[in-house]
PDB file of N, CA and C in Angstrom:
ATOM      1  N   MET A   1       0.138  12.044  -6.415  1.00  0.00           N
ATOM      2  CA  MET A   1       1.198  12.941  -6.859  1.00  0.00           C
ATOM      3  C   MET A   1       1.090  14.437  -6.723  1.00  0.00           C
ATOM      4  N   VAL A   2      -0.129  15.078  -6.242  1.00  0.00           N
ATOM      5  CA  VAL A   2      -0.621  16.222  -6.095  1.00  0.00           C
ATOM      6  C   VAL A   2      -0.022  16.758  -4.788  1.00  0.00           C
ATOM      7  N   TRP A   3       0.217  15.846  -4.002  1.00  0.00           N
ATOM      8  CA  TRP A   3       0.666  16.000  -2.825  1.00  0.00           C
ATOM      9  C   TRP A   3       1.988  16.081  -2.650  1.00  0.00           C
ATOM     10  N   VAL A   4       2.653  15.147  -3.491  1.00  0.00           N
ATOM     11  CA  VAL A   4       4.148  15.398  -3.659  1.00  0.00           C
ATOM     12  C   VAL A   4       4.324  16.891  -4.313  1.00  0.00           C
ATOM     13  N   ARG A   5       3.833  17.247  -5.313  1.00  0.00           N
ATOM     14  CA  ARG A   5       4.167  18.203  -5.770  1.00  0.00           C
ATOM     15  C   ARG A   5       3.749  19.561  -5.179  1.00  0.00           C
ATOM     16  N   LEU A   6       2.580  19.903  -4.606  1.00  0.00           N
ATOM     17  CA  LEU A   6       2.057  20.881  -3.893  1.00  0.00           C
ATOM     18  C   LEU A   6       2.030  21.090  -2.641  1.00  0.00           C
ATOM     19  N   ARG A   7       2.217  20.018  -1.987  1.00  0.00           N
ATOM     20  CA  ARG A   7       2.339  19.850  -0.730  1.00  0.00           C
ATOM     21  C   ARG A   7       0.976  19.979   0.129  1.00  0.00           C
ATOM     22  N   PRO A   8      -0.013  20.080  -0.409  1.00  0.00           N
ATOM     23  CA  PRO A   8      -1.817  20.083   0.162  1.00  0.00           C
ATOM     24  C   PRO A   8      -1.839  19.160   0.518  1.00  0.00           C
ATOM     25  N   ALA A   9      -2.176  18.497   1.536  1.00  0.00           N
ATOM     26  CA  ALA A   9      -2.851  16.921   2.514  1.00  0.00           C
ATOM     27  C   ALA A   9      -3.974  16.620   2.297  1.00  0.00           C
ATOM     28  N   TRP A  10      -4.856  17.675   1.825  1.00  0.00           N
ATOM     29  CA  TRP A  10      -6.222  17.789   2.075  1.00  0.00           C
ATOM     30  C   TRP A  10      -6.748  16.687   0.538  1.00  0.00           C
ATOM     31  N   PRO A  11      -5.884  16.356  -0.782  1.00  0.00           N
ATOM     32  CA  PRO A  11      -6.433  15.544  -1.658  1.00  0.00           C
ATOM     33  C   PRO A  11      -6.090  13.912  -1.142  1.00  0.00           C
ATOM     34  N   PHE A  12      -5.145  14.005  -0.285  1.00  0.00           N
ATOM     35  CA  PHE A  12      -4.756  12.417   0.119  1.00  0.00           C
ATOM     36  C   PHE A  12      -5.558  11.912   1.545  1.00  0.00           C
ATOM     37  N   LEU A  13      -6.119  12.905   1.853  1.00  0.00           N
ATOM     38  CA  LEU A  13      -6.713  12.641   2.898  1.00  0.00           C
ATOM     39  C   LEU A  13      -8.373  12.326   2.196  1.00  0.00           C
ATOM     40  N   ALA A  14      -8.834  13.304   1.400  1.00  0.00           N
ATOM     41  CA  ALA A  14      -9.817  12.928   0.874  1.00  0.00           C
ATOM     42  C   ALA A  14     -10.315  11.518  -0.116  1.00  0.00           C
ATOM     43  N   THR A  15      -9.003  11.265  -0.790  1.00  0.00           N
ATOM     44  CA  THR A  15      -8.887   9.949  -1.314  1.00  0.00           C
ATOM     45  C   THR A  15      -9.000   8.767  -0.291  1.00  0.00           C
ATOM     46  N   LEU A  16      -8.375   8.975   0.863  1.00  0.00           N
ATOM     47  CA  LEU A  16      -8.318   7.936   1.849  1.00  0.00           C
ATOM     48  C   LEU A  16      -9.640   7.589   2.445  1.00  0.00           C
ATOM     49  N   ALA A  17     -10.697   8.739   2.541  1.00  0.00           N
ATOM     50  CA  ALA A  17     -12.265   8.848   2.918  1.00  0.00           C
ATOM     51  C   ALA A  17     -12.828   7.938   1.635  1.00  0.00           C
ATOM     52  N   LEU A  18     -12.191   8.584   0.663  1.00  0.00           N
ATOM     53  CA  LEU A  18     -13.269   7.865  -0.577  1.00  0.00           C
ATOM     54  C   LEU A  18     -12.919   6.081  -0.979  1.00  0.00           C
ATOM     55  N   VAL A  19     -11.543   5.408  -0.161  1.00  0.00           N
ATOM     56  CA  VAL A  19     -11.565   4.273  -0.157  1.00  0.00           C
ATOM     57  C   VAL A  19     -12.115   3.595   0.760  1.00  0.00           C
ATOM     58  N   ALA A  20     -12.527   4.366   2.093  1.00  0.00           N
ATOM     59  CA  ALA A  20     -12.917   3.910   3.329  1.00  0.00           C
ATOM     60  C   ALA A  20     -14.577   3.349   2.765  1.00  0.00           C
ATOM     61  N   ALA A  21     -14.950   5.070   1.821  1.00  0.00           N
ATOM     62  CA  ALA A  21     -15.923   4.911   1.492  1.00  0.00           C
ATOM     63  C   ALA A  21     -17.137   3.546   0.622  1.00  0.00           C
ATOM     64  N   GLU A  22     -15.729   3.310  -0.319  1.00  0.00           N
ATOM     65  CA  GLU A  22     -16.058   2.349  -1.318  1.00  0.00           C
ATOM     66  C   GLU A  22     -15.895   0.779  -0.949  1.00  0.00           C
ATOM     67  N   THR A  23     -15.178   0.645   0.112  1.00  0.00           N
ATOM     68  CA  THR A  23     -14.923  -0.427   1.215  1.00  0.00           C
ATOM     69  C   THR A  23     -16.251  -0.862   1.861  1.00  0.00           C
ATOM     70  N   VAL A  24     -16.529   0.234   2.516  1.00  0.00           N
ATOM     71  CA  VAL A  24     -17.773  -0.077   3.614  1.00  0.00           C
ATOM     72  C   VAL A  24     -19.133  -0.527   2.293  1.00  0.00           C
ATOM     73  N   GLN A  25     -19.250   0.580   1.325  1.00  0.00           N
ATOM     74  CA  GLN A  25     -20.115   0.271  -0.133  1.00  0.00           C
ATOM     75  C   GLN A  25     -20.244  -0.987  -0.134  1.00  0.00           C
ATOM     76  N   TYR A  26     -18.981  -1.696  -0.695  1.00  0.00           N
ATOM     77  CA  TYR A  26     -18.611  -2.844  -1.175  1.00  0.00           C
ATOM     78  C   TYR A  26     -19.702  -3.856  -0.332  1.00  0.00           C
ATOM     79  N   PHE A  27     -18.906  -3.830   1.064  1.00  0.00           N
ATOM     80  CA  PHE A  27     -19.033  -4.906   2.145  1.00  0.00           C
ATOM     81  C   PHE A  27     -20.805  -4.804   2.431  1.00  0.00           C
ATOM     82  N   ALA A  28     -21.389  -3.804   2.082  1.00  0.00           N
ATOM     83  CA  ALA A  28     -22.857  -3.468   2.410  1.00  0.00           C
ATOM     84  C   ALA A  28     -23.768  -4.287   1.291  1.00  0.00           C
ATOM     85  N   GLY A  29     -23.121  -3.800  -0.028  1.00  0.00           N
ATOM     86  CA  GLY A  29     -23.939  -4.731  -1.246  1.00  0.00           C
ATOM     87  C   GLY A  29     -23.663  -6.303  -0.712  1.00  0.00           C
ATOM     88  N   LEU A  30     -22.413  -6.702  -0.637  1.00  0.00           N
ATOM     89  CA  LEU A  30     -22.535  -7.993  -0.185  1.00  0.00           C
ATOM     90  C   LEU A  30     -23.436  -8.805   0.658  1.00  0.00           C
ATOM     91  N   ASP A  31     -23.710  -7.903   1.662  1.00  0.00           N
ATOM     92  CA  ASP A  31     -24.478  -8.133   2.588  1.00  0.00           C
ATOM     93  C   ASP A  31     -25.918  -7.784   2.499  1.00  0.00           C
ATOM     94  N   GLY A  32     -26.414  -6.959   1.379  1.00  0.00           N
ATOM     95  CA  GLY A  32     -27.521  -6.857   1.310  1.00  0.00           C
ATOM     96  C   GLY A  32     -28.176  -5.458   1.550  1.00  0.00           C
ATOM     97  N   ALA A  33     -27.495  -5.359   2.096  1.00  0.00           N
ATOM     98  CA  ALA A  33     -27.855  -3.902   2.966  1.00  0.00           C
ATOM     99  C   ALA A  33     -28.271  -2.504   1.598  1.00  0.00           C
ATOM    100  N   LEU A  34     -29.185  -2.844   0.910  1.00  0.00           N
ATOM    101  CA  LEU A  34     -29.165  -1.567  -0.052  1.00  0.00           C
ATOM    102  C   LEU A  34     -29.628  -0.412   0.373  1.00  0.00           C
ATOM    103  N   TRP A  35     -30.367  -0.396   1.574  1.00  0.00           N
ATOM    104  CA  TRP A  35     -30.443   0.702   1.901  1.00  0.00           C
ATOM    105  C   TRP A  35     -28.924   1.356   2.046  1.00  0.00           C
ATOM    106  N   LEU A  36     -27.724   0.882   2.046  1.00  0.00           N
ATOM    107  CA  LEU A  36     -26.732   1.550   2.739  1.00  0.00           C
ATOM    108  C   LEU A  36     -26.305   1.735   1.721  1.00  0.00           C
ATOM    109  N   HIS A  37     -26.022   0.817   0.721  1.00  0.00           N
ATOM    110  CA  HIS A  37     -25.264   0.208  -0.612  1.00  0.00           C
ATOM    111  C   HIS A  37     -25.116   1.246  -1.612  1.00  0.00           C
ATOM    112  N   LEU A  38     -26.744   1.917  -2.026  1.00  0.00           N
ATOM    113  CA  LEU A  38     -27.060   2.440  -3.275  1.00  0.00           C
ATOM    114  C   LEU A  38     -26.557   4.128  -2.918  1.00  0.00           C
ATOM    115  N   PRO A  39     -27.216   4.626  -1.758  1.00  0.00           N
ATOM    116  CA  PRO A  39     -26.536   5.963  -1.323  1.00  0.00           C
ATOM    117  C   PRO A  39     -25.438   6.048  -1.226  1.00  0.00           C
ATOM    118  N   LEU A  40     -24.591   5.103  -0.334  1.00  0.00           N
ATOM    119  CA  LEU A  40     -23.197   5.171  -0.465  1.00  0.00           C
ATOM    120  C   LEU A  40     -22.314   5.472  -1.800  1.00  0.00           C
ATOM    121  N   GLY A  41     -22.697   4.671  -2.363  1.00  0.00           N
ATOM    122  CA  GLY A  41     -22.656   4.495  -4.009  1.00  0.00           C
ATOM    123  C   GLY A  41     -22.649   5.781  -4.682  1.00  0.00           C
ATOM    124  N   VAL A  42     -23.699   6.531  -4.543  1.00  0.00           N
ATOM    125  CA  VAL A  42     -24.249   7.623  -5.253  1.00  0.00           C
ATOM    126  C   VAL A  42     -22.810   8.491  -4.541  1.00  0.00           C
ATOM    127  N   LEU A  43     -23.188   8.656  -3.357  1.00  0.00           N
ATOM    128  CA  LEU A  43     -21.929   9.542  -2.803  1.00  0.00           C
ATOM    129  C   LEU A  43     -20.740   9.291  -3.134  1.00  0.00           C
ATOM    130  N   THR A  44     -20.372   8.380  -3.215  1.00  0.00           N
ATOM    131  CA  THR A  44     -18.636   7.950  -3.803  1.00  0.00           C
ATOM    132  C   THR A  44     -18.767   8.407  -4.907  1.00  0.00           C
ATOM    133  N   ILE A  45     -19.268   8.218  -6.029  1.00  0.00           N
ATOM    134  CA  ILE A  45     -19.428   8.907  -7.107  1.00  0.00           C
ATOM    135  C   ILE A  45     -19.085  10.698  -7.100  1.00  0.00           C
ATOM    136  N   VAL A  46     -20.035  10.998  -6.539  1.00  0.00           N
ATOM    137  CA  VAL A  46     -20.175  12.418  -6.205  1.00  0.00           C
ATOM    138  C   VAL A  46     -18.978  12.981  -5.655  1.00  0.00           C
ATOM    139  N   GLY A  47     -18.222  12.105  -4.888  1.00  0.00           N
ATOM    140  CA  GLY A  47     -17.180  12.653  -3.924  1.00  0.00           C
ATOM    141  C   GLY A  47     -16.025  12.105  -5.369  1.00  0.00           C
ATOM    142  N   LEU A  48     -15.693  11.436  -5.890  1.00  0.00           N
ATOM    143  CA  LEU A  48     -14.975  11.259  -6.837  1.00  0.00           C
ATOM    144  C   LEU A  48     -14.721  12.469  -8.248  1.00  0.00           C
ATOM    145  N   VAL A  49     -16.004  12.985  -8.385  1.00  0.00           N
ATOM    146  CA  VAL A  49     -15.926  13.713  -9.257  1.00  0.00           C
ATOM    147  C   VAL A  49     -15.584  15.121  -8.507  1.00  0.00           C
ATOM    148  N   VAL A  50     -16.132  15.321  -7.591  1.00  0.00           N
ATOM    149  CA  VAL A  50     -16.054  16.632  -6.860  1.00  0.00           C
ATOM    150  C   VAL A  50     -14.146  16.750  -6.362  1.00  0.00           C
ATOM    151  N   LEU A  51     -13.426  15.879  -6.271  1.00  0.00           N
ATOM    152  CA  LEU A  51     -12.035  15.340  -5.885  1.00  0.00           C
ATOM    153  C   LEU A  51     -11.293  15.716  -6.932  1.00  0.00           C
ATOM    154  N   PHE A  52     -11.993  15.022  -8.265  1.00  0.00           N
ATOM    155  CA  PHE A  52     -11.280  15.110  -9.533  1.00  0.00           C
ATOM    156  C   PHE A  52     -10.751  17.080  -9.875  1.00  0.00           C
ATOM    157  N   ILE A  53     -12.201  17.319 -10.117  1.00  0.00           N
ATOM    158  CA  ILE A  53     -12.913  18.898 -10.200  1.00  0.00           C
ATOM    159  C   ILE A  53     -11.970  19.781  -9.649  1.00  0.00           C
ATOM    160  N   ALA A  54     -11.410  19.361  -8.017  1.00  0.00           N
ATOM    161  CA  ALA A  54     -10.924  20.266  -7.584  1.00  0.00           C
ATOM    162  C   ALA A  54      -9.251  20.050  -7.542  1.00  0.00           C
ATOM    163  N   VAL A  55      -8.773  18.953  -7.735  1.00  0.00           N
ATOM    164  CA  VAL A  55      -7.366  18.695  -7.992  1.00  0.00           C
ATOM    165  C   VAL A  55      -7.008  19.575  -9.254  1.00  0.00           C
ATOM    166  N   TRP A  56      -7.834  19.177 -10.752  1.00  0.00           N
ATOM    167  CA  TRP A  56      -7.759  19.727 -12.134  1.00  0.00           C
ATOM    168  C   TRP A  56      -7.297  20.768 -11.814  1.00  0.00           C
ATOM    169  N   ARG A  57      -8.175  22.052 -11.043  1.00  0.00           N
ATOM    170  CA  ARG A  57      -8.501  23.328 -11.070  1.00  0.00           C
ATOM    171  C   ARG A  57      -6.996  23.672 -10.200  1.00  0.00           C
ATOM    172  N   GLN A  58      -6.279  23.322 -10.006  1.00  0.00           N
ATOM    173  CA  GLN A  58      -5.425  23.397  -8.937  1.00  0.00           C
ATOM    174  C   GLN A  58      -4.350  24.310  -9.905  1.00  0.00           C
ATOM    175  N   PRO A  59      -3.849  25.511  -9.631  1.00  0.00           N
ATOM    176  CA  PRO A  59      -2.534  26.146 -10.796  1.00  0.00           C
ATOM    177  C   PRO A  59      -1.463  25.405 -10.165  1.00  0.00           C
ATOM    178  N   VAL A  60      -0.600  25.219 -11.410  1.00  0.00           N
ATOM    179  CA  VAL A  60       0.507  24.633 -11.499  1.00  0.00           C
ATOM    180  C   VAL A  60       1.724  25.972 -11.153  1.00  0.00           C
ATOM    181  N   SER A  61       2.903  25.678 -10.157  1.00  0.00           N
ATOM    182  CA  SER A  61       3.910  26.464  -9.608  1.00  0.00           C
ATOM    183  C   SER A  61       4.214  27.039 -10.987  1.00  0.00           C
ATOM    184  N   ARG A  62       4.860  28.176 -10.581  1.00  0.00           N
ATOM    185  CA  ARG A  62       5.739  29.352 -11.625  1.00  0.00           C
ATOM    186  C   ARG A  62       7.217  28.757 -12.149  1.00  0.00           C
ATOM    187  N   GLU A  63       7.368  27.730 -10.539  1.00  0.00           N
ATOM    188  CA  GLU A  63       8.747  27.216 -11.149  1.00  0.00           C
ATOM    189  C   GLU A  63       8.583  26.037 -12.292  1.00  0.00           C
ATOM    190  N   GLU A  64       7.548  25.105 -11.899  1.00  0.00           N
ATOM    191  CA  GLU A  64       7.324  24.006 -12.925  1.00  0.00           C
ATOM    192  C   GLU A  64       6.659  24.924 -14.365  1.00  0.00           C
ATOM    193  N   ALA A  65       6.233  25.851 -14.402  1.00  0.00           N
ATOM    194  CA  ALA A  65       5.427  26.093 -15.890  1.00  0.00           C
ATOM    195  C   ALA A  65       6.793  26.545 -16.496  1.00  0.00           C
ATOM    196  N   ASN A  66       8.204  27.112 -15.954  1.00  0.00           N
ATOM    197  CA  ASN A  66       9.138  27.646 -16.898  1.00  0.00           C
ATOM    198  C   ASN A  66      10.229  26.684 -16.975  1.00  0.00           C
ATOM    199  N   GLY A  67       9.847  25.578 -16.290  1.00  0.00           N
ATOM    200  CA  GLY A  67      11.087  24.328 -16.592  1.00  0.00           C
ATOM    201  C   GLY A  67      10.242  23.479 -17.772  1.00  0.00           C
ATOM    202  N   ALA A  68       8.915  23.404 -17.866  1.00  0.00           N
ATOM    203  CA  ALA A  68       8.152  22.551 -18.554  1.00  0.00           C
ATOM    204  C   ALA A  68       8.489  22.831 -20.173  1.00  0.00           C
TER     205      ALA A  68
END
């Protein structure tokens, strides 16, 4: 929704990277590769928190604030 509303592409690309990391993390867990599964899981959670904070802090444009 941020991409549609404000037109920056980075949140969409960051979300795609997180989805890819989560997929790799899932399959690493299935294979029992804990050396990859655990650190990648922690990095995924950190990435989600950082992405949430970065998107949440973006200002709303004046046009949308006046129309609300």
